[in-house]
Amino acid sequence: MPLYPASARKRGIEGRVLLQVEVDAAGLPVLIRLVESSGSEALDRAALDAVRQWKFKPARRANHPIAATVTIPIHFRLDSVAVAATLEKEAAQ
């Protein structure tokens, strides 16, 4: 999970970061795009830093792992951090 930046928490900053992630067939993020900023550089950076370290379960076609793109909204709330991912499309082969 992304770590809530202490500086943002102290100032009561909340927000949603929307990332688009290209995931290779091995489950590694190869390209991460900031689609929608939270309005806070600290929250955006925390989301990007966390996702760079993730390993995903790759999408599959005919039982073989393939590259794909997922959209990941990350909600920073003072009482929690929530993450959900949606498979967007298969990457070009």
N, C-alpha and C. Protein backbone atom coordinates (compact mmCIF):
# COMPACT_ATOMS: atom_id res chain seq x y z
N MET A 1 0.84 -1.19 0.00
CA MET A 1 0.00 0.00 0.00
C MET A 1 0.89 1.25 0.00
N PRO A 2 0.43 2.29 -0.66
CA PRO A 2 1.18 3.55 -0.61
C PRO A 2 1.22 4.07 0.83
N LEU A 3 2.31 4.69 1.16
CA LEU A 3 2.44 5.32 2.47
C LEU A 3 1.87 6.72 2.39
N TYR A 4 1.05 7.07 3.36
CA TYR A 4 0.48 8.42 3.42
C TYR A 4 1.60 9.37 3.83
N PRO A 5 1.95 10.35 3.01
CA PRO A 5 3.04 11.26 3.37
C PRO A 5 2.69 12.01 4.66
N ALA A 6 3.62 12.01 5.59
CA ALA A 6 3.39 12.67 6.89
C ALA A 6 3.07 14.14 6.71
N SER A 7 3.74 14.80 5.77
CA SER A 7 3.50 16.24 5.56
C SER A 7 2.07 16.50 5.09
N ALA A 8 1.55 15.63 4.24
CA ALA A 8 0.18 15.79 3.75
C ALA A 8 -0.82 15.47 4.86
N ARG A 9 -0.54 14.42 5.61
CA ARG A 9 -1.44 14.06 6.71
C ARG A 9 -1.50 15.18 7.75
N LYS A 10 -0.35 15.74 8.07
CA LYS A 10 -0.29 16.81 9.08
C LYS A 10 -1.12 18.02 8.65
N ARG A 11 -1.15 18.29 7.34
CA ARG A 11 -1.92 19.44 6.83
C ARG A 11 -3.36 19.08 6.49
N GLY A 12 -3.74 17.81 6.69
CA GLY A 12 -5.11 17.38 6.44
C GLY A 12 -5.44 17.24 4.96
N ILE A 13 -4.44 16.97 4.14
CA ILE A 13 -4.64 16.86 2.70
C ILE A 13 -5.11 15.46 2.34
N GLU A 14 -6.19 15.39 1.60
CA GLU A 14 -6.71 14.13 1.08
C GLU A 14 -6.81 14.26 -0.44
N GLY A 15 -6.96 13.14 -1.14
CA GLY A 15 -7.12 13.22 -2.58
C GLY A 15 -7.09 11.86 -3.24
N ARG A 16 -7.39 11.89 -4.55
CA ARG A 16 -7.37 10.67 -5.36
C ARG A 16 -6.35 10.84 -6.48
N VAL A 17 -5.52 9.83 -6.64
CA VAL A 17 -4.53 9.79 -7.72
C VAL A 17 -4.98 8.70 -8.68
N LEU A 18 -4.99 9.00 -9.97
CA LEU A 18 -5.37 8.00 -10.96
C LEU A 18 -4.16 7.71 -11.83
N LEU A 19 -3.73 6.44 -11.81
CA LEU A 19 -2.55 6.02 -12.56
C LEU A 19 -2.94 5.02 -13.63
N GLN A 20 -2.24 5.08 -14.75
CA GLN A 20 -2.38 4.07 -15.80
C GLN A 20 -1.04 3.34 -15.85
N VAL A 21 -1.09 2.02 -15.73
CA VAL A 21 0.13 1.23 -15.61
C VAL A 21 0.18 0.18 -16.71
N GLU A 22 1.26 0.18 -17.47
CA GLU A 22 1.50 -0.89 -18.42
C GLU A 22 2.29 -1.96 -17.68
N VAL A 23 1.73 -3.16 -17.68
CA VAL A 23 2.31 -4.29 -16.95
C VAL A 23 2.78 -5.31 -17.98
N ASP A 24 4.02 -5.77 -17.86
CA ASP A 24 4.53 -6.76 -18.81
C ASP A 24 4.04 -8.16 -18.45
N ALA A 25 4.37 -9.12 -19.29
CA ALA A 25 3.91 -10.49 -19.09
C ALA A 25 4.46 -11.13 -17.83
N ALA A 26 5.53 -10.56 -17.28
CA ALA A 26 6.10 -11.06 -16.02
C ALA A 26 5.43 -10.42 -14.80
N GLY A 27 4.53 -9.47 -15.04
CA GLY A 27 3.83 -8.81 -13.93
C GLY A 27 4.52 -7.57 -13.40
N LEU A 28 5.52 -7.07 -14.13
CA LEU A 28 6.26 -5.89 -13.68
C LEU A 28 5.73 -4.62 -14.35
N PRO A 29 5.61 -3.53 -13.59
CA PRO A 29 5.17 -2.28 -14.20
C PRO A 29 6.31 -1.71 -15.06
N VAL A 30 6.03 -1.51 -16.35
CA VAL A 30 7.07 -1.01 -17.24
C VAL A 30 6.88 0.46 -17.58
N LEU A 31 5.65 0.96 -17.44
CA LEU A 31 5.39 2.38 -17.68
C LEU A 31 4.23 2.80 -16.80
N ILE A 32 4.42 3.88 -16.06
CA ILE A 32 3.37 4.39 -15.17
C ILE A 32 3.09 5.83 -15.57
N ARG A 33 1.82 6.12 -15.85
CA ARG A 33 1.41 7.47 -16.23
C ARG A 33 0.47 8.04 -15.17
N LEU A 34 0.71 9.29 -14.81
CA LEU A 34 -0.19 10.00 -13.91
C LEU A 34 -1.32 10.54 -14.79
N VAL A 35 -2.49 9.94 -14.68
CA VAL A 35 -3.64 10.33 -15.50
C VAL A 35 -4.38 11.49 -14.85
N GLU A 36 -4.51 11.43 -13.53
CA GLU A 36 -5.22 12.47 -12.80
C GLU A 36 -4.52 12.72 -11.47
N SER A 37 -4.10 13.96 -11.28
CA SER A 37 -3.41 14.35 -10.05
C SER A 37 -4.40 14.53 -8.91
N SER A 38 -3.92 14.30 -7.73
CA SER A 38 -4.72 14.55 -6.52
C SER A 38 -4.77 16.03 -6.19
N GLY A 39 -3.87 16.79 -6.82
CA GLY A 39 -3.72 18.20 -6.47
C GLY A 39 -2.62 18.40 -5.45
N SER A 40 -2.06 17.30 -4.97
CA SER A 40 -0.97 17.34 -4.01
C SER A 40 0.22 16.59 -4.59
N GLU A 41 1.32 17.27 -4.77
CA GLU A 41 2.53 16.63 -5.30
C GLU A 41 2.97 15.48 -4.39
N ALA A 42 2.83 15.66 -3.09
CA ALA A 42 3.26 14.62 -2.14
C ALA A 42 2.42 13.35 -2.29
N LEU A 43 1.11 13.48 -2.45
CA LEU A 43 0.25 12.30 -2.63
C LEU A 43 0.53 11.63 -3.97
N ASP A 44 0.68 12.43 -5.02
CA ASP A 44 0.99 11.88 -6.35
C ASP A 44 2.30 11.09 -6.30
N ARG A 45 3.31 11.66 -5.69
CA ARG A 45 4.62 11.01 -5.60
C ARG A 45 4.54 9.71 -4.80
N ALA A 46 3.79 9.72 -3.70
CA ALA A 46 3.64 8.52 -2.87
C ALA A 46 2.97 7.40 -3.67
N ALA A 47 1.97 7.74 -4.46
CA ALA A 47 1.29 6.74 -5.27
C ALA A 47 2.23 6.17 -6.33
N LEU A 48 2.93 7.04 -7.04
CA LEU A 48 3.87 6.60 -8.07
C LEU A 48 4.99 5.73 -7.47
N ASP A 49 5.54 6.15 -6.36
CA ASP A 49 6.63 5.40 -5.72
C ASP A 49 6.16 4.00 -5.31
N ALA A 50 4.94 3.90 -4.79
CA ALA A 50 4.43 2.60 -4.35
C ALA A 50 4.23 1.66 -5.54
N VAL A 51 3.58 2.16 -6.59
CA VAL A 51 3.26 1.30 -7.73
C VAL A 51 4.52 0.84 -8.46
N ARG A 52 5.57 1.65 -8.46
CA ARG A 52 6.85 1.24 -9.08
C ARG A 52 7.40 -0.03 -8.43
N GLN A 53 7.06 -0.28 -7.18
CA GLN A 53 7.59 -1.43 -6.44
C GLN A 53 6.68 -2.65 -6.50
N TRP A 54 5.49 -2.50 -7.05
CA TRP A 54 4.54 -3.61 -7.07
C TRP A 54 4.90 -4.66 -8.11
N LYS A 55 4.46 -5.87 -7.83
CA LYS A 55 4.48 -6.94 -8.83
C LYS A 55 3.02 -7.35 -9.01
N PHE A 56 2.56 -7.34 -10.24
CA PHE A 56 1.18 -7.63 -10.57
C PHE A 56 1.01 -9.08 -10.99
N LYS A 57 -0.19 -9.58 -10.86
CA LYS A 57 -0.53 -10.87 -11.45
C LYS A 57 -0.85 -10.55 -12.91
N PRO A 58 -0.06 -11.07 -13.86
CA PRO A 58 -0.27 -10.68 -15.26
C PRO A 58 -1.61 -11.15 -15.82
N ALA A 59 -2.09 -10.38 -16.80
CA ALA A 59 -3.28 -10.80 -17.53
C ALA A 59 -2.93 -12.08 -18.29
N ARG A 60 -3.95 -12.82 -18.68
CA ARG A 60 -3.69 -14.08 -19.38
C ARG A 60 -4.58 -14.17 -20.62
N ARG A 61 -4.02 -14.82 -21.64
CA ARG A 61 -4.78 -15.16 -22.84
C ARG A 61 -4.42 -16.60 -23.17
N ALA A 62 -5.45 -17.43 -23.31
CA ALA A 62 -5.24 -18.85 -23.58
C ALA A 62 -4.26 -19.45 -22.56
N ASN A 63 -4.43 -19.04 -21.33
CA ASN A 63 -3.62 -19.53 -20.20
C ASN A 63 -2.14 -19.15 -20.27
N HIS A 64 -1.82 -18.12 -21.07
CA HIS A 64 -0.44 -17.62 -21.15
C HIS A 64 -0.42 -16.18 -20.67
N PRO A 65 0.57 -15.82 -19.85
CA PRO A 65 0.65 -14.43 -19.38
C PRO A 65 0.93 -13.48 -20.55
N ILE A 66 0.26 -12.32 -20.52
CA ILE A 66 0.44 -11.31 -21.55
C ILE A 66 0.59 -9.93 -20.91
N ALA A 67 1.12 -9.00 -21.67
CA ALA A 67 1.21 -7.62 -21.21
C ALA A 67 -0.18 -6.98 -21.29
N ALA A 68 -0.46 -6.07 -20.39
CA ALA A 68 -1.75 -5.38 -20.37
C ALA A 68 -1.60 -4.04 -19.68
N THR A 69 -2.63 -3.22 -19.81
CA THR A 69 -2.66 -1.92 -19.16
C THR A 69 -3.79 -1.91 -18.13
N VAL A 70 -3.49 -1.40 -16.94
CA VAL A 70 -4.51 -1.28 -15.88
C VAL A 70 -4.59 0.16 -15.42
N THR A 71 -5.77 0.54 -14.99
CA THR A 71 -5.98 1.85 -14.40
C THR A 71 -6.16 1.65 -12.90
N ILE A 72 -5.40 2.42 -12.13
CA ILE A 72 -5.40 2.25 -10.68
C ILE A 72 -5.74 3.56 -9.99
N PRO A 73 -6.92 3.65 -9.37
CA PRO A 73 -7.21 4.81 -8.54
C PRO A 73 -6.71 4.55 -7.12
N ILE A 74 -6.04 5.52 -6.56
CA ILE A 74 -5.56 5.42 -5.17
C ILE A 74 -6.15 6.58 -4.40
N HIS A 75 -6.94 6.26 -3.39
CA HIS A 75 -7.63 7.27 -2.58
C HIS A 75 -6.88 7.45 -1.27
N PHE A 76 -6.39 8.65 -1.05
CA PHE A 76 -5.76 8.98 0.22
C PHE A 76 -6.78 9.72 1.07
N ARG A 77 -7.18 9.09 2.17
CA ARG A 77 -8.07 9.72 3.14
C ARG A 77 -7.35 9.69 4.47
N LEU A 78 -7.62 10.64 5.29
CA LEU A 78 -6.91 10.72 6.56
C LEU A 78 -7.07 9.46 7.40
N ASP A 79 -8.18 8.75 7.23
CA ASP A 79 -8.40 7.53 8.02
C ASP A 79 -8.00 6.25 7.27
N SER A 80 -7.62 6.36 5.97
CA SER A 80 -7.26 5.15 5.23
C SER A 80 -6.66 5.50 3.86
N VAL A 81 -6.07 4.47 3.24
CA VAL A 81 -5.63 4.55 1.86
C VAL A 81 -6.26 3.37 1.15
N ALA A 82 -6.98 3.63 0.05
CA ALA A 82 -7.67 2.56 -0.67
C ALA A 82 -7.17 2.49 -2.11
N VAL A 83 -7.03 1.25 -2.60
CA VAL A 83 -6.53 1.01 -3.96
C VAL A 83 -7.46 0.02 -4.64
N ALA A 84 -7.75 0.30 -5.92
CA ALA A 84 -8.51 -0.64 -6.74
C ALA A 84 -7.94 -0.58 -8.16
N ALA A 85 -7.85 -1.72 -8.82
CA ALA A 85 -7.30 -1.74 -10.18
C ALA A 85 -8.31 -2.32 -11.14
N THR A 86 -8.31 -1.80 -12.36
CA THR A 86 -9.20 -2.27 -13.40
C THR A 86 -8.39 -2.56 -14.65
N LEU A 87 -8.55 -3.76 -15.19
CA LEU A 87 -7.88 -4.10 -16.43
C LEU A 87 -8.47 -3.23 -17.52
N GLU A 88 -7.61 -2.49 -18.20
CA GLU A 88 -8.08 -1.57 -19.23
C GLU A 88 -8.00 -2.16 -20.61
N LYS A 89 -6.83 -2.67 -20.98
CA LYS A 89 -6.67 -3.25 -22.31
C LYS A 89 -5.40 -4.08 -22.32
N GLU A 90 -5.36 -4.95 -23.29
CA GLU A 90 -4.15 -5.72 -23.49
C GLU A 90 -3.16 -4.84 -24.24
N ALA A 91 -1.91 -4.94 -23.89
CA ALA A 91 -0.89 -4.16 -24.59
C ALA A 91 -0.69 -4.74 -25.98
N ALA A 92 -0.29 -3.90 -26.89
CA ALA A 92 -0.05 -4.34 -28.27
C ALA A 92 1.02 -5.42 -28.28
N GLN A 93 0.83 -6.39 -29.12
CA GLN A 93 1.78 -7.50 -29.15
C GLN A 93 2.74 -7.36 -30.29
